Amino acid sequence: MSGPPGRPERLNLLTKALSDAGVLRLRDAAALLNVSQMTVRRDIAANANRFAYLGGHILRADDWGAGVGYRLEQEQDKFASAKAAACAKAAALIAERDTIFIDCGTTMPHLANLVPSDADVTVVCYSLNIAQIVSHKPKVRLVLLGGAYHPSSATFSSQQALDALGAIGVNKAFLSAGGIERTRGASCWNFHEVPIKQKAMSVAVERHLVVDSSKIGKVSAAFFAALEDFDSILTETPTLAL
């Protein structure tokens, strides 16, 4: 009986699997290679020029550099204090035993960080950067919706994700946007995000738009909701002036 593959063969197998799938969960990679998760993590750490590891998932380093590393890291520090202040208002709405949906983007990690680690809360998301934060909160349940991976926004999309979200009872959905405008509503940059945003809004009891004031008056490419579809629009400012 042959044993587990050596490191060169493991790296080649992992490269092929990522070329086919785009992203792999750590445990799936370990099963594929017939080695421990720790061995896979050592291989990744020793080959940072080929692989990246984020929130329990493995990516090709080129995907991280050209997609997530470029878009999210470029945007995440812009208006950071305003984003944090808007998310503080959103976090104040979270109650024990809530099931909340947290959208993607560079604003929402501030909200994910504010979810108490010891809260009896379930977080539903479709973004790796949100999942990475929530996964370190020991008492918070995490539901990560999967599908095809989009490196530019670190998100997943699939019909299965929409179906799964439709079966979840969401108390509060917290949505992000690339722009909000009085007559053009809430919009984002990526068209693949629209169906999941709209599904989250359709199943949630409450719908809250969380944006910093730099988004006011802006229109992005993909419309997803009229402003009157939200129960509240939360920004860092005391009042909202569109």
C-alpha atoms as a PDB file:
ATOM      1  CA  MET A   1       0.000   0.000   0.000  1.00  0.00           C
ATOM      2  CA  SER A   2       1.422   3.352  -1.003  1.00  0.00           C
ATOM      3  CA  GLY A   3       1.696   6.051   1.649  1.00  0.00           C
ATOM      4  CA  PRO A   4       0.803   9.732   1.493  1.00  0.00           C
ATOM      5  CA  PRO A   5       2.381  11.689  -1.364  1.00  0.00           C
ATOM      6  CA  GLY A   6       5.624  13.565  -0.745  1.00  0.00           C
ATOM      7  CA  ARG A   7       5.708  17.340  -0.587  1.00  0.00           C
ATOM      8  CA  PRO A   8       6.472  17.981  -4.312  1.00  0.00           C
ATOM      9  CA  GLU A   9       3.567  15.732  -5.336  1.00  0.00           C
ATOM     10  CA  ARG A  10       1.297  17.318  -2.706  1.00  0.00           C
ATOM     11  CA  LEU A  11       2.044  20.787  -4.041  1.00  0.00           C
ATOM     12  CA  ASN A  12       1.295  19.713  -7.594  1.00  0.00           C
ATOM     13  CA  LEU A  13      -1.974  18.040  -6.542  1.00  0.00           C
ATOM     14  CA  LEU A  14      -2.987  21.112  -4.571  1.00  0.00           C
ATOM     15  CA  THR A  15      -2.181  23.400  -7.503  1.00  0.00           C
ATOM     16  CA  LYS A  16      -4.317  21.289  -9.842  1.00  0.00           C
ATOM     17  CA  ALA A  17      -7.209  21.144  -7.380  1.00  0.00           C
ATOM     18  CA  LEU A  18      -7.174  24.935  -6.982  1.00  0.00           C
ATOM     19  CA  SER A  19      -7.041  25.396 -10.741  1.00  0.00           C
ATOM     20  CA  ASP A  20     -10.211  23.307 -10.988  1.00  0.00           C
ATOM     21  CA  ALA A  21     -12.098  24.628  -7.949  1.00  0.00           C
ATOM     22  CA  GLY A  22     -10.666  28.113  -7.323  1.00  0.00           C
ATOM     23  CA  VAL A  23     -10.759  27.657  -3.544  1.00  0.00           C
ATOM     24  CA  LEU A  24     -10.521  24.657  -1.174  1.00  0.00           C
ATOM     25  CA  ARG A  25     -11.437  24.234   2.446  1.00  0.00           C
ATOM     26  CA  LEU A  26      -8.459  23.168   4.535  1.00  0.00           C
ATOM     27  CA  ARG A  27     -10.092  19.929   5.657  1.00  0.00           C
ATOM     28  CA  ASP A  28     -10.964  19.008   2.054  1.00  0.00           C
ATOM     29  CA  ALA A  29      -7.375  19.607   0.970  1.00  0.00           C
ATOM     30  CA  ALA A  30      -6.111  17.425   3.797  1.00  0.00           C
ATOM     31  CA  ALA A  31      -8.482  14.623   2.775  1.00  0.00           C
ATOM     32  CA  LEU A  32      -7.471  14.946  -0.870  1.00  0.00           C
ATOM     33  CA  LEU A  33      -3.779  14.698  -0.013  1.00  0.00           C
ATOM     34  CA  ASN A  34      -4.220  12.043   2.700  1.00  0.00           C
ATOM     35  CA  VAL A  35      -2.301  14.102   5.256  1.00  0.00           C
ATOM     36  CA  SER A  36      -3.160  16.124   8.357  1.00  0.00           C
ATOM     37  CA  GLN A  37      -4.470  19.686   8.198  1.00  0.00           C
ATOM     38  CA  MET A  38      -1.293  20.784   9.979  1.00  0.00           C
ATOM     39  CA  THR A  39       0.814  19.283   7.187  1.00  0.00           C
ATOM     40  CA  VAL A  40      -1.205  21.182   4.593  1.00  0.00           C
ATOM     41  CA  ARG A  41      -0.764  24.424   6.532  1.00  0.00           C
ATOM     42  CA  ARG A  42       3.004  23.845   6.741  1.00  0.00           C
ATOM     43  CA  ASP A  43       3.105  23.270   2.967  1.00  0.00           C
ATOM     44  CA  ILE A  44       1.197  26.510   2.375  1.00  0.00           C
ATOM     45  CA  ALA A  45       3.400  28.514   4.738  1.00  0.00           C
ATOM     46  CA  ALA A  46       6.527  27.191   3.024  1.00  0.00           C
ATOM     47  CA  ASN A  47       5.178  28.128  -0.410  1.00  0.00           C
ATOM     48  CA  ALA A  48       3.656  31.567   0.069  1.00  0.00           C
ATOM     49  CA  ASN A  49       4.509  32.384  -3.537  1.00  0.00           C
ATOM     50  CA  ARG A  50       2.064  29.687  -4.672  1.00  0.00           C
ATOM     51  CA  PHE A  51      -0.693  29.544  -2.036  1.00  0.00           C
ATOM     52  CA  ALA A  52      -2.601  31.770   0.391  1.00  0.00           C
ATOM     53  CA  TYR A  53      -4.615  30.744   3.443  1.00  0.00           C
ATOM     54  CA  LEU A  54      -7.639  32.738   4.619  1.00  0.00           C
ATOM     55  CA  GLY A  55     -10.310  31.797   7.133  1.00  0.00           C
ATOM     56  CA  GLY A  56      -9.989  28.025   6.710  1.00  0.00           C
ATOM     57  CA  HIS A  57      -9.753  28.235   2.920  1.00  0.00           C
ATOM     58  CA  ILE A  58      -6.819  27.857   0.529  1.00  0.00           C
ATOM     59  CA  LEU A  59      -6.405  30.071  -2.534  1.00  0.00           C
ATOM     60  CA  ARG A  60      -3.803  30.427  -5.218  1.00  0.00           C
ATOM     61  CA  ALA A  61      -1.427  33.264  -4.381  1.00  0.00           C
ATOM     62  CA  ASP A  62      -2.097  34.821  -7.802  1.00  0.00           C
ATOM     63  CA  ASP A  63      -5.831  34.970  -7.042  1.00  0.00           C
ATOM     64  CA  TRP A  64      -5.155  36.608  -3.692  1.00  0.00           C
ATOM     65  CA  GLY A  65      -2.788  39.166  -5.199  1.00  0.00           C
ATOM     66  CA  ALA A  66      -4.889  40.009  -8.239  1.00  0.00           C
ATOM     67  CA  GLY A  67      -8.296  39.862  -6.592  1.00  0.00           C
ATOM     68  CA  VAL A  68      -8.805  39.990  -2.860  1.00  0.00           C
ATOM     69  CA  GLY A  69      -5.422  41.468  -2.119  1.00  0.00           C
ATOM     70  CA  TYR A  70      -5.948  44.288  -4.588  1.00  0.00           C
ATOM     71  CA  ARG A  71      -9.592  45.248  -4.093  1.00  0.00           C
ATOM     72  CA  LEU A  72     -10.276  44.654  -0.427  1.00  0.00           C
ATOM     73  CA  GLU A  73      -6.920  45.762   0.913  1.00  0.00           C
ATOM     74  CA  GLN A  74      -7.017  48.845  -1.300  1.00  0.00           C
ATOM     75  CA  GLU A  75     -10.437  49.880   0.004  1.00  0.00           C
ATOM     76  CA  GLN A  76     -10.501  48.692   3.601  1.00  0.00           C
ATOM     77  CA  ASP A  77      -8.666  51.673   5.118  1.00  0.00           C
ATOM     78  CA  LYS A  78     -10.722  54.295   3.311  1.00  0.00           C
ATOM     79  CA  PHE A  79     -13.140  56.049   5.693  1.00  0.00           C
ATOM     80  CA  ALA A  80     -12.361  53.361   8.288  1.00  0.00           C
ATOM     81  CA  SER A  81     -13.489  55.402  11.286  1.00  0.00           C
ATOM     82  CA  ALA A  82     -16.764  56.304   9.573  1.00  0.00           C
ATOM     83  CA  LYS A  83     -17.395  52.674   8.663  1.00  0.00           C
ATOM     84  CA  ALA A  84     -16.683  51.608  12.245  1.00  0.00           C
ATOM     85  CA  ALA A  85     -19.084  54.226  13.616  1.00  0.00           C
ATOM     86  CA  ALA A  86     -21.873  53.122  11.277  1.00  0.00           C
ATOM     87  CA  CYS A  87     -21.289  49.501  12.279  1.00  0.00           C
ATOM     88  CA  ALA A  88     -21.412  50.398  15.971  1.00  0.00           C
ATOM     89  CA  LYS A  89     -24.996  51.546  15.397  1.00  0.00           C
ATOM     90  CA  ALA A  90     -25.747  48.279  13.638  1.00  0.00           C
ATOM     91  CA  ALA A  91     -24.162  46.177  16.387  1.00  0.00           C
ATOM     92  CA  ALA A  92     -26.412  47.862  18.959  1.00  0.00           C
ATOM     93  CA  LEU A  93     -29.390  46.262  17.182  1.00  0.00           C
ATOM     94  CA  ILE A  94     -28.129  42.688  17.644  1.00  0.00           C
ATOM     95  CA  ALA A  95     -29.915  40.761  20.380  1.00  0.00           C
ATOM     96  CA  GLU A  96     -29.356  37.382  22.040  1.00  0.00           C
ATOM     97  CA  ARG A  97     -30.544  34.418  19.938  1.00  0.00           C
ATOM     98  CA  ASP A  98     -30.659  36.502  16.766  1.00  0.00           C
ATOM     99  CA  THR A  99     -29.808  35.021  13.400  1.00  0.00           C
ATOM    100  CA  ILE A 100     -28.182  37.802  11.430  1.00  0.00           C
ATOM    101  CA  PHE A 101     -27.044  38.111   7.838  1.00  0.00           C
ATOM    102  CA  ILE A 102     -23.825  40.096   7.348  1.00  0.00           C
ATOM    103  CA  ASP A 103     -23.115  41.294   3.818  1.00  0.00           C
ATOM    104  CA  CYS A 104     -19.718  41.510   2.130  1.00  0.00           C
ATOM    105  CA  GLY A 105     -17.366  44.446   1.519  1.00  0.00           C
ATOM    106  CA  THR A 106     -14.963  46.528   3.577  1.00  0.00           C
ATOM    107  CA  THR A 107     -17.530  48.044   5.939  1.00  0.00           C
ATOM    108  CA  MET A 108     -18.943  44.790   7.279  1.00  0.00           C
ATOM    109  CA  PRO A 109     -15.758  43.450   8.934  1.00  0.00           C
ATOM    110  CA  HIS A 110     -16.222  46.240  11.492  1.00  0.00           C
ATOM    111  CA  LEU A 111     -19.653  44.811  12.298  1.00  0.00           C
ATOM    112  CA  ALA A 112     -18.343  41.245  12.417  1.00  0.00           C
ATOM    113  CA  ASN A 113     -15.700  42.350  14.909  1.00  0.00           C
ATOM    114  CA  LEU A 114     -18.388  43.908  17.107  1.00  0.00           C
ATOM    115  CA  VAL A 115     -20.452  40.717  17.428  1.00  0.00           C
ATOM    116  CA  PRO A 116     -19.744  39.607  21.033  1.00  0.00           C
ATOM    117  CA  SER A 117     -17.686  36.419  21.189  1.00  0.00           C
ATOM    118  CA  ASP A 118     -19.900  34.982  23.925  1.00  0.00           C
ATOM    119  CA  ALA A 119     -23.215  35.910  22.284  1.00  0.00           C
ATOM    120  CA  ASP A 120     -25.874  33.324  21.464  1.00  0.00           C
ATOM    121  CA  VAL A 121     -26.008  34.524  17.873  1.00  0.00           C
ATOM    122  CA  THR A 122     -25.911  32.866  14.452  1.00  0.00           C
ATOM    123  CA  VAL A 123     -24.116  34.741  11.659  1.00  0.00           C
ATOM    124  CA  VAL A 124     -24.926  33.943   8.036  1.00  0.00           C
ATOM    125  CA  CYS A 125     -22.479  35.260   5.439  1.00  0.00           C
ATOM    126  CA  TYR A 126     -21.043  34.585   1.987  1.00  0.00           C
ATOM    127  CA  SER A 127     -17.720  36.384   2.322  1.00  0.00           C
ATOM    128  CA  LEU A 128     -14.370  34.999   3.423  1.00  0.00           C
ATOM    129  CA  ASN A 129     -13.310  38.116   5.291  1.00  0.00           C
ATOM    130  CA  ILE A 130     -16.483  38.017   7.402  1.00  0.00           C
ATOM    131  CA  ALA A 131     -16.221  34.265   7.971  1.00  0.00           C
ATOM    132  CA  GLN A 132     -12.602  34.588   9.056  1.00  0.00           C
ATOM    133  CA  ILE A 133     -13.540  37.035  11.814  1.00  0.00           C
ATOM    134  CA  VAL A 134     -16.617  35.162  13.021  1.00  0.00           C
ATOM    135  CA  SER A 135     -14.836  31.798  13.022  1.00  0.00           C
ATOM    136  CA  HIS A 136     -12.675  32.999  15.924  1.00  0.00           C
ATOM    137  CA  LYS A 137     -15.702  33.722  18.141  1.00  0.00           C
ATOM    138  CA  PRO A 138     -16.163  30.471  20.088  1.00  0.00           C
ATOM    139  CA  LYS A 139     -19.870  30.749  20.948  1.00  0.00           C
ATOM    140  CA  VAL A 140     -21.113  32.380  17.757  1.00  0.00           C
ATOM    141  CA  ARG A 141     -22.512  29.960  15.171  1.00  0.00           C
ATOM    142  CA  LEU A 142     -21.294  30.548  11.626  1.00  0.00           C
ATOM    143  CA  VAL A 143     -23.115  29.656   8.410  1.00  0.00           C
ATOM    144  CA  LEU A 144     -20.935  30.311   5.368  1.00  0.00           C
ATOM    145  CA  LEU A 145     -22.843  30.116   2.094  1.00  0.00           C
ATOM    146  CA  GLY A 146     -20.729  28.564  -0.651  1.00  0.00           C
ATOM    147  CA  GLY A 147     -20.506  28.293  -4.402  1.00  0.00           C
ATOM    148  CA  ALA A 148     -18.254  29.780  -7.077  1.00  0.00           C
ATOM    149  CA  TYR A 149     -15.538  31.956  -5.568  1.00  0.00           C
ATOM    150  CA  HIS A 150     -15.043  35.582  -6.678  1.00  0.00           C
ATOM    151  CA  PRO A 151     -11.546  36.768  -5.684  1.00  0.00           C
ATOM    152  CA  SER A 152     -12.198  40.475  -6.315  1.00  0.00           C
ATOM    153  CA  SER A 153     -14.735  40.618  -3.452  1.00  0.00           C
ATOM    154  CA  ALA A 154     -13.787  37.433  -1.545  1.00  0.00           C
ATOM    155  CA  THR A 155     -17.356  36.175  -1.943  1.00  0.00           C
ATOM    156  CA  PHE A 156     -19.167  33.031  -3.040  1.00  0.00           C
ATOM    157  CA  SER A 157     -22.270  32.700  -5.196  1.00  0.00           C
ATOM    158  CA  SER A 158     -24.467  29.806  -6.312  1.00  0.00           C
ATOM    159  CA  GLN A 159     -28.084  28.753  -6.645  1.00  0.00           C
ATOM    160  CA  GLN A 160     -27.487  26.385  -3.735  1.00  0.00           C
ATOM    161  CA  ALA A 161     -26.465  29.341  -1.570  1.00  0.00           C
ATOM    162  CA  LEU A 162     -29.673  31.165  -2.470  1.00  0.00           C
ATOM    163  CA  ASP A 163     -31.728  28.062  -1.682  1.00  0.00           C
ATOM    164  CA  ALA A 164     -29.961  27.597   1.654  1.00  0.00           C
ATOM    165  CA  LEU A 165     -30.472  31.235   2.586  1.00  0.00           C
ATOM    166  CA  GLY A 166     -34.136  30.949   1.703  1.00  0.00           C
ATOM    167  CA  ALA A 167     -34.529  28.197   4.286  1.00  0.00           C
ATOM    168  CA  ILE A 168     -32.933  30.180   7.143  1.00  0.00           C
ATOM    169  CA  GLY A 169     -34.962  32.351   9.497  1.00  0.00           C
ATOM    170  CA  VAL A 170     -33.034  35.646   9.548  1.00  0.00           C
ATOM    171  CA  ASN A 171     -33.980  38.181  12.219  1.00  0.00           C
ATOM    172  CA  LYS A 172     -31.860  41.034  10.913  1.00  0.00           C
ATOM    173  CA  ALA A 173     -30.047  41.501   7.603  1.00  0.00           C
ATOM    174  CA  PHE A 174     -27.208  44.039   7.529  1.00  0.00           C
ATOM    175  CA  LEU A 175     -26.496  45.128   3.956  1.00  0.00           C
ATOM    176  CA  SER A 176     -23.607  47.103   2.485  1.00  0.00           C
ATOM    177  CA  ALA A 177     -23.610  49.207  -0.681  1.00  0.00           C
ATOM    178  CA  GLY A 178     -21.192  50.920  -3.011  1.00  0.00           C
ATOM    179  CA  GLY A 179     -23.596  53.803  -3.445  1.00  0.00           C
ATOM    180  CA  ILE A 180     -26.939  55.129  -2.206  1.00  0.00           C
ATOM    181  CA  GLU A 181     -28.915  57.750  -4.105  1.00  0.00           C
ATOM    182  CA  ARG A 182     -32.414  59.082  -3.478  1.00  0.00           C
ATOM    183  CA  THR A 183     -33.979  57.988  -6.761  1.00  0.00           C
ATOM    184  CA  ARG A 184     -31.552  55.238  -7.831  1.00  0.00           C
ATOM    185  CA  GLY A 185     -31.569  53.391  -4.519  1.00  0.00           C
ATOM    186  CA  ALA A 186     -28.825  51.130  -3.172  1.00  0.00           C
ATOM    187  CA  SER A 187     -26.269  49.726  -5.588  1.00  0.00           C
ATOM    188  CA  CYS A 188     -23.044  47.713  -5.541  1.00  0.00           C
ATOM    189  CA  TRP A 189     -20.148  47.024  -7.897  1.00  0.00           C
ATOM    190  CA  ASN A 190     -20.572  43.274  -8.462  1.00  0.00           C
ATOM    191  CA  PHE A 191     -23.627  41.882 -10.222  1.00  0.00           C
ATOM    192  CA  HIS A 192     -23.198  38.419  -8.681  1.00  0.00           C
ATOM    193  CA  GLU A 193     -23.880  39.936  -5.237  1.00  0.00           C
ATOM    194  CA  VAL A 194     -27.330  41.214  -6.203  1.00  0.00           C
ATOM    195  CA  PRO A 195     -29.321  37.931  -5.945  1.00  0.00           C
ATOM    196  CA  ILE A 196     -27.957  37.078  -2.508  1.00  0.00           C
ATOM    197  CA  LYS A 197     -28.494  40.605  -1.173  1.00  0.00           C
ATOM    198  CA  GLN A 198     -32.070  40.521  -2.433  1.00  0.00           C
ATOM    199  CA  LYS A 199     -32.667  37.033  -1.034  1.00  0.00           C
ATOM    200  CA  ALA A 200     -31.355  38.094   2.371  1.00  0.00           C
ATOM    201  CA  MET A 201     -33.686  41.076   2.349  1.00  0.00           C
ATOM    202  CA  SER A 202     -36.648  38.935   1.334  1.00  0.00           C
ATOM    203  CA  VAL A 203     -36.218  36.448   4.209  1.00  0.00           C
ATOM    204  CA  ALA A 204     -35.216  38.884   6.964  1.00  0.00           C
ATOM    205  CA  VAL A 205     -37.619  40.336   9.509  1.00  0.00           C
ATOM    206  CA  GLU A 206     -35.569  43.558   9.577  1.00  0.00           C
ATOM    207  CA  ARG A 207     -33.375  45.033   6.840  1.00  0.00           C
ATOM    208  CA  HIS A 208     -30.668  47.565   7.706  1.00  0.00           C
ATOM    209  CA  LEU A 209     -28.392  49.335   5.231  1.00  0.00           C
ATOM    210  CA  VAL A 210     -24.993  50.115   6.784  1.00  0.00           C
ATOM    211  CA  VAL A 211     -22.840  52.628   4.900  1.00  0.00           C
ATOM    212  CA  ASP A 212     -20.484  55.503   5.573  1.00  0.00           C
ATOM    213  CA  SER A 213     -21.549  58.912   4.304  1.00  0.00           C
ATOM    214  CA  SER A 214     -19.046  58.844   1.419  1.00  0.00           C
ATOM    215  CA  LYS A 215     -21.488  56.498  -0.359  1.00  0.00           C
ATOM    216  CA  ILE A 216     -24.314  59.064  -0.305  1.00  0.00           C
ATOM    217  CA  GLY A 217     -25.159  60.394  -3.749  1.00  0.00           C
ATOM    218  CA  LYS A 218     -23.077  57.685  -5.461  1.00  0.00           C
ATOM    219  CA  VAL A 219     -24.449  55.172  -7.961  1.00  0.00           C
ATOM    220  CA  SER A 220     -22.633  51.869  -8.583  1.00  0.00           C
ATOM    221  CA  ALA A 221     -23.227  49.531 -11.493  1.00  0.00           C
ATOM    222  CA  ALA A 222     -25.586  46.973  -9.941  1.00  0.00           C
ATOM    223  CA  PHE A 223     -28.889  48.129  -8.390  1.00  0.00           C
ATOM    224  CA  PHE A 224     -30.254  45.847  -5.664  1.00  0.00           C
ATOM    225  CA  ALA A 225     -32.878  47.727  -3.610  1.00  0.00           C
ATOM    226  CA  ALA A 226     -34.895  50.904  -3.292  1.00  0.00           C
ATOM    227  CA  LEU A 227     -34.112  52.922  -0.176  1.00  0.00           C
ATOM    228  CA  GLU A 228     -37.667  52.488   1.117  1.00  0.00           C
ATOM    229  CA  ASP A 229     -37.077  48.715   1.215  1.00  0.00           C
ATOM    230  CA  PHE A 230     -34.857  49.184   4.294  1.00  0.00           C
ATOM    231  CA  ASP A 231     -36.059  49.549   7.868  1.00  0.00           C
ATOM    232  CA  SER A 232     -33.119  51.841   8.568  1.00  0.00           C
ATOM    233  CA  ILE A 233     -30.075  53.386   6.912  1.00  0.00           C
ATOM    234  CA  LEU A 234     -27.183  53.562   9.369  1.00  0.00           C
ATOM    235  CA  THR A 235     -24.255  55.918   8.833  1.00  0.00           C
ATOM    236  CA  GLU A 236     -21.710  57.582  11.083  1.00  0.00           C
ATOM    237  CA  THR A 237     -23.717  60.824  10.969  1.00  0.00           C
ATOM    238  CA  PRO A 238     -26.558  61.642  13.419  1.00  0.00           C
ATOM    239  CA  THR A 239     -28.979  62.262  10.548  1.00  0.00           C
ATOM    240  CA  LEU A 240     -29.025  61.105   6.942  1.00  0.00           C
ATOM    241  CA  ALA A 241     -29.181  63.752   4.228  1.00  0.00           C
ATOM    242  CA  LEU A 242     -29.468  62.378   0.708  1.00  0.00           C
END
